[in-house]
Amino acid sequence: MRFDVLTLFPEIFSSYLGQSLLAKAIEGELVKVYPHDMRKWANDKHNRVDDRPFGGGAGMVIRAEPVVECVEAVRQEGSQPGRLIMLTPQGRRLDQPLVEELSLEPRLLLLCGRYEGFDQRVSDLLQPEEISIGDYVLNGGEVAAMAIIDAVIRLIPGVLGDETSSVDDSFSSGNRLLEFPHYTRPRVYRGLAAPDVLLSGDHAQIAAWRKQQSIERTTRRRADLLDRNAESKDE
C-alpha cells in the first residue's frame, strides 16, 4: 500500500518513518510512504505558500496554487490517482470501520493543512474526502496523517506478523467491545496477581473470561458501544 503525505513540513516524518512496525513494513515492501513538500510548487522566489485572508481576520491561509499543483503532480507519479484525503477538524470522524475501509485502498494521499487552513478553492477543485481524528484542533495535519497511517497499516496482511492480532482490537468490525485486559510475567506484582484462569490452560474458559471482561469494561467505560451493537442487530 502506498501513502503520499502532502505537507509543508516533510521533515516531521523523518523519525516517524523509522519507528519499528512501520519501518519493518516499509523494509518488507508491504508499505510505501512518501512525504512531499508542497513548497516546491510555490510560484514565487520565496516559496511562499500562504497569504492573508480576504476580508481580514487572524492568521494566514494556504494558497490554492501550490496545493492543487502539488496534488496533480504527485498523482502522476503512481499507476493510479489514489484516494485524496484532507485532514481537517470539519471532516468525517475517523473510526475503526473507516480505517478498515481505507485499508482496502491501494493508495492514499494525505493532505496536511496548517495555519487557518486551505483556500476554499482547494476543496472546490480537488474534491478531497475530509477526515477528522477528533473534535479538537491541532497545529497541523501531520499528526492526523500519522494516526491514519498507524491505524491502517495494522490491517495490511503481513504487517503485524500474527494475522489474528488485530481481530480482537477494540472497535474492529467483528468486535464492538473494548478489548479485555492483558497480563504477563511476573504472575504477582506488588500484591496484584494475574487471574488464575489465564494460567489454567483451558482455552474455552480463557475465551469466556476475556469476553466477559470485554463486556464489563465496555459497560463501565463506553456503554454507547453496547447500544450500537443492539442497533446493528435490529437492522
Protein backbone atom coordinates (compact mmCIF):
# COMPACT_ATOMS: atom_id res chain seq x y z
CA MET A 1 0.00 0.00 0.00
CA ARG A 2 1.22 3.47 -0.82
CA PHE A 3 0.81 6.63 1.27
CA ASP A 4 1.66 10.05 -0.15
CA VAL A 5 1.77 12.76 2.53
CA LEU A 6 1.48 16.29 1.19
CA THR A 7 2.80 18.72 3.78
CA LEU A 8 4.65 21.97 4.36
CA PHE A 9 6.89 20.23 6.89
CA PRO A 10 8.08 16.89 5.48
CA GLU A 11 10.95 16.78 7.99
CA ILE A 12 8.41 15.90 10.68
CA PHE A 13 8.20 12.44 9.13
CA SER A 14 11.94 11.70 9.20
CA SER A 15 11.99 9.96 12.57
CA TYR A 16 8.42 8.70 12.26
CA LEU A 17 9.27 6.57 9.23
CA GLY A 18 11.98 4.85 11.25
CA GLN A 19 9.71 3.62 14.04
CA SER A 20 9.71 -0.16 14.41
CA LEU A 21 6.47 -1.52 12.96
CA LEU A 22 6.26 0.99 10.12
CA ALA A 23 9.96 0.66 9.34
CA LYS A 24 9.63 -3.12 9.09
CA ALA A 25 6.58 -2.79 6.86
CA ILE A 26 8.49 -0.42 4.57
CA GLU A 27 11.56 -2.68 4.57
CA GLY A 28 9.34 -5.65 3.72
CA GLU A 29 7.81 -3.65 0.85
CA LEU A 30 4.33 -4.03 2.32
CA VAL A 31 4.01 -0.26 2.72
CA LYS A 32 5.46 2.77 0.96
CA VAL A 33 5.32 6.26 2.49
CA TYR A 34 6.37 9.33 0.50
CA PRO A 35 6.35 12.80 2.12
CA HIS A 36 6.04 15.64 -0.41
CA ASP A 37 6.91 19.27 0.31
CA MET A 38 4.14 21.49 -1.07
CA ARG A 39 6.52 24.45 -1.01
CA LYS A 40 8.19 23.04 -4.13
CA TRP A 41 5.08 24.03 -6.07
CA ALA A 42 5.07 27.63 -4.85
CA ASN A 43 5.15 30.10 -7.72
CA ASP A 44 7.43 32.80 -6.32
CA LYS A 45 11.12 33.01 -5.50
CA HIS A 46 10.49 32.89 -1.76
CA ASN A 47 8.49 29.64 -1.96
CA ARG A 48 5.60 31.38 -0.23
CA VAL A 49 2.56 29.17 0.21
CA ASP A 50 0.34 31.28 2.48
CA ASP A 51 -1.20 34.74 2.48
CA ARG A 52 -3.58 36.95 4.46
CA PRO A 53 -7.26 36.03 4.19
CA PHE A 54 -9.51 38.17 2.01
CA GLY A 55 -11.94 40.06 4.22
CA GLY A 56 -9.48 40.30 7.07
CA GLY A 57 -9.14 38.18 10.17
CA ALA A 58 -6.44 36.45 12.17
CA GLY A 59 -3.92 34.01 10.80
CA MET A 60 -2.82 33.02 7.33
CA VAL A 61 -4.44 30.85 4.67
CA ILE A 62 -2.66 28.29 2.48
CA ARG A 63 -2.92 29.37 -1.13
CA ALA A 64 -4.65 27.20 -3.69
CA GLU A 65 -1.99 27.13 -6.43
CA PRO A 66 0.81 25.19 -4.71
CA VAL A 67 -1.60 22.71 -3.16
CA VAL A 68 -3.58 21.94 -6.30
CA GLU A 69 -0.47 21.71 -8.46
CA CYS A 70 1.29 19.53 -5.88
CA VAL A 71 -1.62 17.08 -5.76
CA GLU A 72 -1.85 16.95 -9.54
CA ALA A 73 1.89 16.27 -9.88
CA VAL A 74 2.02 13.63 -7.15
CA ARG A 75 -0.94 11.80 -8.62
CA GLN A 76 1.01 11.45 -11.85
CA GLU A 77 3.76 9.54 -10.03
CA GLY A 78 1.69 6.43 -9.42
CA SER A 79 -0.15 3.99 -11.61
CA GLN A 80 -3.46 5.24 -10.19
CA PRO A 81 -4.52 8.60 -8.72
CA GLY A 82 -5.36 7.25 -5.26
CA ARG A 83 -7.90 8.38 -2.69
CA LEU A 84 -7.33 12.01 -1.70
CA ILE A 85 -7.94 12.83 1.96
CA MET A 86 -7.81 16.27 3.52
CA LEU A 87 -7.11 16.21 7.27
CA THR A 88 -9.44 18.74 8.88
CA PRO A 89 -11.48 19.01 12.12
CA GLN A 90 -14.52 19.62 9.89
CA GLY A 91 -14.31 16.18 8.30
CA ARG A 92 -15.88 12.79 8.87
CA ARG A 93 -14.81 11.33 12.20
CA LEU A 94 -12.16 8.64 11.89
CA ASP A 95 -13.28 5.34 13.43
CA GLN A 96 -12.32 1.71 13.00
CA PRO A 97 -14.85 0.94 10.25
CA LEU A 98 -13.45 3.84 8.24
CA VAL A 99 -9.90 2.62 8.93
CA GLU A 100 -10.90 -0.80 7.61
CA GLU A 101 -12.37 0.85 4.53
CA LEU A 102 -9.18 2.84 3.92
CA SER A 103 -7.01 -0.27 4.34
CA LEU A 104 -8.58 -1.71 1.18
CA GLU A 105 -7.27 1.17 -0.91
CA PRO A 106 -4.03 0.64 -2.83
CA ARG A 107 -3.06 4.29 -2.41
CA LEU A 108 -3.94 7.16 -0.07
CA LEU A 109 -2.92 10.80 -0.50
CA LEU A 110 -3.00 12.63 2.83
CA LEU A 111 -3.26 16.40 2.56
CA CYS A 112 -1.98 18.18 5.70
CA GLY A 113 -3.14 21.70 6.43
CA ARG A 114 -1.56 24.43 8.59
CA TYR A 115 -2.39 27.90 9.86
CA GLU A 116 -6.07 28.78 9.25
CA GLY A 117 -6.43 26.02 6.67
CA PHE A 118 -6.67 25.89 2.89
CA ASP A 119 -8.12 28.34 0.42
CA GLN A 120 -11.64 27.00 -0.27
CA ARG A 121 -10.74 26.52 -3.93
CA VAL A 122 -8.51 23.59 -2.96
CA SER A 123 -11.66 21.69 -1.97
CA ASP A 124 -13.68 23.07 -4.88
CA LEU A 125 -11.14 21.91 -7.47
CA LEU A 126 -9.80 18.68 -5.97
CA GLN A 127 -12.94 17.44 -4.18
CA PRO A 128 -10.98 15.65 -1.42
CA GLU A 129 -12.60 13.47 1.20
CA GLU A 130 -12.37 15.32 4.53
CA ILE A 131 -11.46 13.31 7.64
CA SER A 132 -11.05 14.38 11.27
CA ILE A 133 -9.36 12.38 14.02
CA GLY A 134 -11.40 14.11 16.73
CA ASP A 135 -13.21 17.20 17.91
CA TYR A 136 -10.16 19.31 18.66
CA VAL A 137 -7.72 21.44 16.69
CA LEU A 138 -4.08 20.54 16.03
CA ASN A 139 -1.30 22.80 14.77
CA GLY A 140 -1.32 20.89 11.51
CA GLY A 141 -2.49 17.76 9.76
CA GLU A 142 0.77 15.85 10.11
CA VAL A 143 -0.14 14.17 13.41
CA ALA A 144 -3.52 13.23 11.96
CA ALA A 145 -1.80 11.75 8.91
CA MET A 146 0.43 9.66 11.18
CA ALA A 147 -2.64 8.46 13.08
CA ILE A 148 -4.26 7.28 9.86
CA ILE A 149 -1.09 5.56 8.68
CA ASP A 150 -0.60 3.83 12.04
CA ALA A 151 -4.20 2.61 12.15
CA VAL A 152 -4.33 1.47 8.52
CA ILE A 153 -1.05 -0.46 8.33
CA ARG A 154 -2.15 -2.72 11.21
CA LEU A 155 -4.77 -4.15 8.86
CA ILE A 156 -2.42 -4.79 5.94
CA PRO A 157 -1.66 -8.54 5.71
CA GLY A 158 1.84 -9.33 6.93
CA VAL A 159 2.49 -6.09 8.81
CA LEU A 160 1.72 -7.41 12.29
CA GLY A 161 3.09 -10.87 11.60
CA ASP A 162 0.28 -12.54 13.57
CA GLU A 163 -2.71 -12.09 11.28
CA THR A 164 -5.15 -12.63 14.17
CA SER A 165 -3.65 -9.92 16.39
CA SER A 166 -5.83 -7.10 15.02
CA VAL A 167 -9.07 -9.10 15.04
CA ASP A 168 -9.71 -8.56 18.77
CA ASP A 169 -8.75 -4.89 18.75
CA SER A 170 -11.26 -2.51 20.25
CA PHE A 171 -13.71 -1.13 17.65
CA SER A 172 -12.82 -3.65 14.90
CA SER A 173 -15.73 -4.71 12.68
CA GLY A 174 -16.17 -8.08 14.30
CA ASN A 175 -15.77 -6.64 17.80
CA ARG A 176 -17.75 -3.65 19.03
CA LEU A 177 -16.48 -4.20 22.57
CA LEU A 178 -13.44 -2.73 24.25
CA GLU A 179 -10.52 -5.11 24.44
CA PHE A 180 -10.11 -7.33 27.50
CA PRO A 181 -7.23 -6.74 30.00
CA HIS A 182 -3.85 -8.37 29.34
CA TYR A 183 -1.31 -9.84 31.77
CA THR A 184 2.23 -11.19 31.52
CA ARG A 185 5.13 -12.03 33.85
CA PRO A 186 5.59 -11.76 36.77
CA ARG A 187 2.48 -13.60 37.91
CA VAL A 188 2.30 -11.45 41.06
CA TYR A 189 3.48 -7.83 41.19
CA ARG A 190 3.12 -5.66 44.30
CA GLY A 191 0.42 -7.92 45.62
CA LEU A 192 -1.59 -7.93 42.41
CA ALA A 193 -1.89 -11.37 40.81
CA ALA A 194 -2.76 -12.27 37.25
CA PRO A 195 -6.12 -14.12 37.10
CA ASP A 196 -5.74 -17.87 37.61
CA VAL A 197 -7.91 -18.65 34.60
CA LEU A 198 -5.26 -17.24 32.25
CA LEU A 199 -2.76 -19.79 33.55
CA SER A 200 -5.20 -22.71 33.56
CA GLY A 201 -4.53 -23.88 30.04
CA ASP A 202 -8.29 -24.18 29.48
CA HIS A 203 -8.77 -22.18 26.27
CA ALA A 204 -12.56 -22.31 26.42
CA GLN A 205 -12.57 -20.81 29.91
CA ILE A 206 -9.98 -18.22 28.91
CA ALA A 207 -12.10 -17.18 25.91
CA ALA A 208 -15.21 -16.92 28.09
CA TRP A 209 -13.34 -14.87 30.70
CA ARG A 210 -11.99 -12.49 28.09
CA LYS A 211 -15.41 -11.96 26.53
CA GLN A 212 -16.94 -11.26 29.93
CA GLN A 213 -14.17 -8.82 30.77
CA SER A 214 -14.74 -7.03 27.46
CA ILE A 215 -18.45 -6.71 28.17
CA GLU A 216 -17.86 -5.41 31.71
CA ARG A 217 -15.19 -2.96 30.60
CA THR A 218 -17.38 -1.66 27.77
CA THR A 219 -20.35 -1.29 30.13
CA ARG A 220 -18.25 0.79 32.55
CA ARG A 221 -16.38 2.92 30.04
CA ARG A 222 -18.30 3.04 26.75
CA ALA A 223 -21.88 1.93 27.22
CA ASP A 224 -22.73 3.71 23.96
CA LEU A 225 -20.93 0.91 22.09
CA LEU A 226 -23.33 -1.64 23.55
CA ASP A 227 -26.23 0.47 22.31
CA ARG A 228 -24.71 0.45 18.82
CA ASN A 229 -24.37 -3.33 18.95
CA ALA A 230 -28.04 -3.64 19.78
CA GLU A 231 -29.00 -1.28 16.95
CA SER A 232 -26.91 -3.18 14.38
CA LYS A 233 -28.52 -6.48 15.38
CA ASP A 234 -32.01 -4.98 14.98
CA GLU A 235 -31.30 -3.79 11.44
